[in-house]
Amino acid sequence: MPVTTSAKKALRQSTKRRQANQKNKRAVDSAEKQIKKLVKTGKRQEALQYLPRAYKVLDKAAKKGVIEKNTAARKKSRLAKLINRR
């Protein structure tokens, strides 16, 4: 455990940041899974309607630095490609 006051504060900050980052990563993963599940079950129209929400989650995660900007772009591209392919 940290001893100095500044080390205690750093621990508090890193804990908060870690929780926020994990929350954002889970949101990204669940958005991807949701679209993949809809496509797999043949509900293409529902997947198309959910796509803007997935884009929003990915863009927010990239803006906050949880994922890289190019990673968000790649995931968005692959999701759109997955929907249009079926």
N, C-alpha and C. Protein backbone atom coordinates (compact mmCIF):
# COMPACT_ATOMS: atom_id res chain seq x y z
N MET A 1 0.83 -1.18 0.00
CA MET A 1 0.00 0.00 0.00
C MET A 1 0.88 1.25 0.00
N PRO A 2 0.37 2.32 -0.60
CA PRO A 2 1.15 3.55 -0.66
C PRO A 2 1.33 4.18 0.73
N VAL A 3 2.45 4.85 0.90
CA VAL A 3 2.75 5.45 2.19
C VAL A 3 2.56 6.97 2.13
N THR A 4 3.12 7.60 1.11
CA THR A 4 3.04 9.06 1.04
C THR A 4 1.66 9.52 0.58
N THR A 5 1.35 10.76 0.89
CA THR A 5 0.05 11.33 0.53
C THR A 5 -0.12 11.35 -0.98
N SER A 6 0.94 11.72 -1.71
CA SER A 6 0.83 11.81 -3.16
C SER A 6 0.64 10.42 -3.79
N ALA A 7 1.27 9.41 -3.19
CA ALA A 7 1.11 8.05 -3.70
C ALA A 7 -0.31 7.55 -3.44
N LYS A 8 -0.90 7.93 -2.31
CA LYS A 8 -2.28 7.55 -2.02
C LYS A 8 -3.24 8.19 -3.02
N LYS A 9 -2.99 9.45 -3.32
CA LYS A 9 -3.83 10.15 -4.30
C LYS A 9 -3.67 9.53 -5.68
N ALA A 10 -2.45 9.21 -6.05
CA ALA A 10 -2.21 8.58 -7.36
C ALA A 10 -2.94 7.25 -7.46
N LEU A 11 -2.97 6.51 -6.38
CA LEU A 11 -3.69 5.24 -6.37
C LEU A 11 -5.19 5.46 -6.56
N ARG A 12 -5.74 6.45 -5.87
CA ARG A 12 -7.16 6.77 -6.03
C ARG A 12 -7.48 7.15 -7.47
N GLN A 13 -6.62 7.99 -8.05
CA GLN A 13 -6.85 8.45 -9.42
C GLN A 13 -6.77 7.29 -10.41
N SER A 14 -5.75 6.47 -10.26
CA SER A 14 -5.58 5.37 -11.22
C SER A 14 -6.72 4.36 -11.10
N THR A 15 -7.24 4.18 -9.89
CA THR A 15 -8.37 3.26 -9.69
C THR A 15 -9.60 3.78 -10.41
N LYS A 16 -9.88 5.08 -10.27
CA LYS A 16 -11.04 5.69 -10.93
C LYS A 16 -10.90 5.60 -12.44
N ARG A 17 -9.71 5.91 -12.93
CA ARG A 17 -9.47 5.88 -14.38
C ARG A 17 -9.61 4.46 -14.93
N ARG A 18 -9.10 3.50 -14.19
CA ARG A 18 -9.18 2.11 -14.62
C ARG A 18 -10.64 1.66 -14.73
N GLN A 19 -11.45 2.03 -13.74
CA GLN A 19 -12.86 1.66 -13.77
C GLN A 19 -13.57 2.30 -14.95
N ALA A 20 -13.27 3.57 -15.22
CA ALA A 20 -13.89 4.26 -16.35
C ALA A 20 -13.47 3.62 -17.67
N ASN A 21 -12.19 3.28 -17.79
CA ASN A 21 -11.69 2.66 -19.01
C ASN A 21 -12.33 1.29 -19.22
N GLN A 22 -12.47 0.52 -18.15
CA GLN A 22 -13.09 -0.80 -18.26
C GLN A 22 -14.55 -0.68 -18.68
N LYS A 23 -15.24 0.31 -18.15
CA LYS A 23 -16.64 0.53 -18.51
C LYS A 23 -16.76 0.83 -20.00
N ASN A 24 -15.89 1.68 -20.50
CA ASN A 24 -15.92 2.03 -21.92
C ASN A 24 -15.56 0.84 -22.80
N LYS A 25 -14.58 0.05 -22.38
CA LYS A 25 -14.20 -1.12 -23.16
C LYS A 25 -15.33 -2.14 -23.20
N ARG A 26 -16.01 -2.32 -22.07
CA ARG A 26 -17.16 -3.24 -22.04
C ARG A 26 -18.26 -2.76 -22.98
N ALA A 27 -18.48 -1.45 -23.03
CA ALA A 27 -19.50 -0.90 -23.92
C ALA A 27 -19.15 -1.18 -25.38
N VAL A 28 -17.88 -1.05 -25.72
CA VAL A 28 -17.42 -1.33 -27.08
C VAL A 28 -17.63 -2.80 -27.40
N ASP A 29 -17.22 -3.67 -26.50
CA ASP A 29 -17.35 -5.11 -26.73
C ASP A 29 -18.81 -5.53 -26.85
N SER A 30 -19.66 -4.98 -25.99
CA SER A 30 -21.07 -5.38 -26.04
C SER A 30 -21.75 -4.87 -27.31
N ALA A 31 -21.35 -3.68 -27.78
CA ALA A 31 -21.92 -3.16 -29.02
C ALA A 31 -21.53 -4.05 -30.20
N GLU A 32 -20.27 -4.48 -30.23
CA GLU A 32 -19.82 -5.39 -31.29
C GLU A 32 -20.57 -6.71 -31.23
N LYS A 33 -20.67 -7.27 -30.03
CA LYS A 33 -21.34 -8.56 -29.86
C LYS A 33 -22.80 -8.48 -30.27
N GLN A 34 -23.45 -7.38 -29.92
CA GLN A 34 -24.87 -7.20 -30.25
C GLN A 34 -25.08 -7.23 -31.76
N ILE A 35 -24.26 -6.50 -32.49
CA ILE A 35 -24.40 -6.47 -33.95
C ILE A 35 -24.08 -7.84 -34.54
N LYS A 36 -23.03 -8.48 -34.07
CA LYS A 36 -22.66 -9.79 -34.59
C LYS A 36 -23.77 -10.81 -34.33
N LYS A 37 -24.40 -10.71 -33.15
CA LYS A 37 -25.48 -11.62 -32.82
C LYS A 37 -26.69 -11.40 -33.73
N LEU A 38 -27.02 -10.12 -33.97
CA LEU A 38 -28.16 -9.81 -34.84
C LEU A 38 -27.92 -10.30 -36.26
N VAL A 39 -26.71 -10.13 -36.75
CA VAL A 39 -26.38 -10.57 -38.11
C VAL A 39 -26.44 -12.09 -38.19
N LYS A 40 -25.91 -12.74 -37.17
CA LYS A 40 -25.87 -14.20 -37.16
C LYS A 40 -27.28 -14.81 -37.16
N THR A 41 -28.21 -14.16 -36.46
CA THR A 41 -29.58 -14.66 -36.40
C THR A 41 -30.42 -14.20 -37.60
N GLY A 42 -29.81 -13.44 -38.51
CA GLY A 42 -30.51 -13.03 -39.72
C GLY A 42 -31.35 -11.77 -39.58
N LYS A 43 -31.15 -11.02 -38.53
CA LYS A 43 -31.91 -9.78 -38.31
C LYS A 43 -31.10 -8.59 -38.81
N ARG A 44 -30.94 -8.52 -40.12
CA ARG A 44 -30.08 -7.51 -40.74
C ARG A 44 -30.61 -6.09 -40.52
N GLN A 45 -31.93 -5.91 -40.63
CA GLN A 45 -32.51 -4.57 -40.46
C GLN A 45 -32.29 -4.05 -39.04
N GLU A 46 -32.43 -4.91 -38.05
CA GLU A 46 -32.20 -4.49 -36.67
C GLU A 46 -30.73 -4.15 -36.47
N ALA A 47 -29.86 -4.91 -37.12
CA ALA A 47 -28.43 -4.63 -37.01
C ALA A 47 -28.11 -3.27 -37.64
N LEU A 48 -28.75 -2.96 -38.76
CA LEU A 48 -28.55 -1.65 -39.41
C LEU A 48 -29.02 -0.51 -38.51
N GLN A 49 -30.12 -0.75 -37.78
CA GLN A 49 -30.62 0.29 -36.88
C GLN A 49 -29.71 0.46 -35.66
N TYR A 50 -29.06 -0.61 -35.25
CA TYR A 50 -28.18 -0.56 -34.08
C TYR A 50 -26.80 0.01 -34.42
N LEU A 51 -26.46 0.00 -35.70
CA LEU A 51 -25.12 0.42 -36.14
C LEU A 51 -24.75 1.85 -35.69
N PRO A 52 -25.62 2.85 -35.83
CA PRO A 52 -25.24 4.20 -35.35
C PRO A 52 -24.90 4.25 -33.87
N ARG A 53 -25.61 3.45 -33.07
CA ARG A 53 -25.30 3.41 -31.63
C ARG A 53 -23.91 2.81 -31.39
N ALA A 54 -23.59 1.78 -32.17
CA ALA A 54 -22.27 1.17 -32.05
C ALA A 54 -21.19 2.17 -32.47
N TYR A 55 -21.45 2.92 -33.54
CA TYR A 55 -20.51 3.95 -33.99
C TYR A 55 -20.27 4.98 -32.90
N LYS A 56 -21.35 5.38 -32.23
CA LYS A 56 -21.25 6.38 -31.18
C LYS A 56 -20.38 5.88 -30.03
N VAL A 57 -20.59 4.62 -29.64
CA VAL A 57 -19.80 4.03 -28.55
C VAL A 57 -18.32 3.97 -28.94
N LEU A 58 -18.05 3.55 -30.17
CA LEU A 58 -16.67 3.45 -30.63
C LEU A 58 -16.00 4.82 -30.70
N ASP A 59 -16.72 5.81 -31.22
CA ASP A 59 -16.16 7.16 -31.32
C ASP A 59 -15.87 7.76 -29.94
N LYS A 60 -16.77 7.52 -28.99
CA LYS A 60 -16.55 8.04 -27.64
C LYS A 60 -15.34 7.39 -27.00
N ALA A 61 -15.21 6.08 -27.19
CA ALA A 61 -14.06 5.37 -26.61
C ALA A 61 -12.76 5.88 -27.21
N ALA A 62 -12.78 6.17 -28.51
CA ALA A 62 -11.58 6.69 -29.17
C ALA A 62 -11.27 8.11 -28.67
N LYS A 63 -12.30 8.90 -28.49
CA LYS A 63 -12.12 10.28 -28.02
C LYS A 63 -11.53 10.31 -26.62
N LYS A 64 -11.95 9.36 -25.79
CA LYS A 64 -11.47 9.32 -24.40
C LYS A 64 -10.12 8.62 -24.28
N GLY A 65 -9.63 8.06 -25.38
CA GLY A 65 -8.32 7.42 -25.34
C GLY A 65 -8.34 5.98 -24.87
N VAL A 66 -9.52 5.39 -24.78
CA VAL A 66 -9.63 4.01 -24.35
C VAL A 66 -9.13 3.09 -25.45
N ILE A 67 -9.49 3.41 -26.70
CA ILE A 67 -8.96 2.70 -27.86
C ILE A 67 -8.39 3.72 -28.82
N GLU A 68 -7.51 3.29 -29.70
CA GLU A 68 -6.91 4.19 -30.68
C GLU A 68 -7.95 4.61 -31.72
N LYS A 69 -7.71 5.75 -32.32
CA LYS A 69 -8.62 6.27 -33.35
C LYS A 69 -8.71 5.30 -34.53
N ASN A 70 -7.57 4.76 -34.95
CA ASN A 70 -7.57 3.83 -36.08
C ASN A 70 -8.24 2.51 -35.73
N THR A 71 -8.13 2.09 -34.47
CA THR A 71 -8.81 0.87 -34.03
C THR A 71 -10.31 1.06 -34.11
N ALA A 72 -10.80 2.23 -33.70
CA ALA A 72 -12.23 2.51 -33.79
C ALA A 72 -12.68 2.51 -35.25
N ALA A 73 -11.89 3.13 -36.11
CA ALA A 73 -12.23 3.18 -37.53
C ALA A 73 -12.26 1.77 -38.13
N ARG A 74 -11.30 0.94 -37.76
CA ARG A 74 -11.24 -0.43 -38.27
C ARG A 74 -12.45 -1.24 -37.80
N LYS A 75 -12.81 -1.10 -36.53
CA LYS A 75 -13.96 -1.83 -36.00
C LYS A 75 -15.26 -1.38 -36.68
N LYS A 76 -15.41 -0.08 -36.89
CA LYS A 76 -16.60 0.44 -37.56
C LYS A 76 -16.69 -0.10 -38.98
N SER A 77 -15.57 -0.12 -39.66
CA SER A 77 -15.54 -0.62 -41.03
C SER A 77 -15.92 -2.09 -41.10
N ARG A 78 -15.38 -2.87 -40.18
CA ARG A 78 -15.64 -4.31 -40.18
C ARG A 78 -17.09 -4.62 -39.82
N LEU A 79 -17.68 -3.82 -38.93
CA LEU A 79 -19.08 -4.04 -38.58
C LEU A 79 -19.98 -3.73 -39.76
N ALA A 80 -19.71 -2.62 -40.46
CA ALA A 80 -20.51 -2.25 -41.63
C ALA A 80 -20.36 -3.30 -42.72
N LYS A 81 -19.15 -3.77 -42.90
CA LYS A 81 -18.88 -4.79 -43.91
C LYS A 81 -19.62 -6.09 -43.58
N LEU A 82 -19.64 -6.44 -42.30
CA LEU A 82 -20.32 -7.66 -41.85
C LEU A 82 -21.83 -7.58 -42.15
N ILE A 83 -22.42 -6.43 -41.89
CA ILE A 83 -23.86 -6.26 -42.13
C ILE A 83 -24.17 -6.28 -43.62
N ASN A 84 -23.37 -5.61 -44.41
CA ASN A 84 -23.64 -5.52 -45.84
C ASN A 84 -23.33 -6.81 -46.58
N ARG A 85 -22.49 -7.64 -46.02
CA ARG A 85 -22.10 -8.88 -46.66
C ARG A 85 -23.25 -9.89 -46.65
N ARG A 86 -24.03 -9.86 -45.60
CA ARG A 86 -25.09 -10.88 -45.43
C ARG A 86 -26.36 -10.50 -46.17
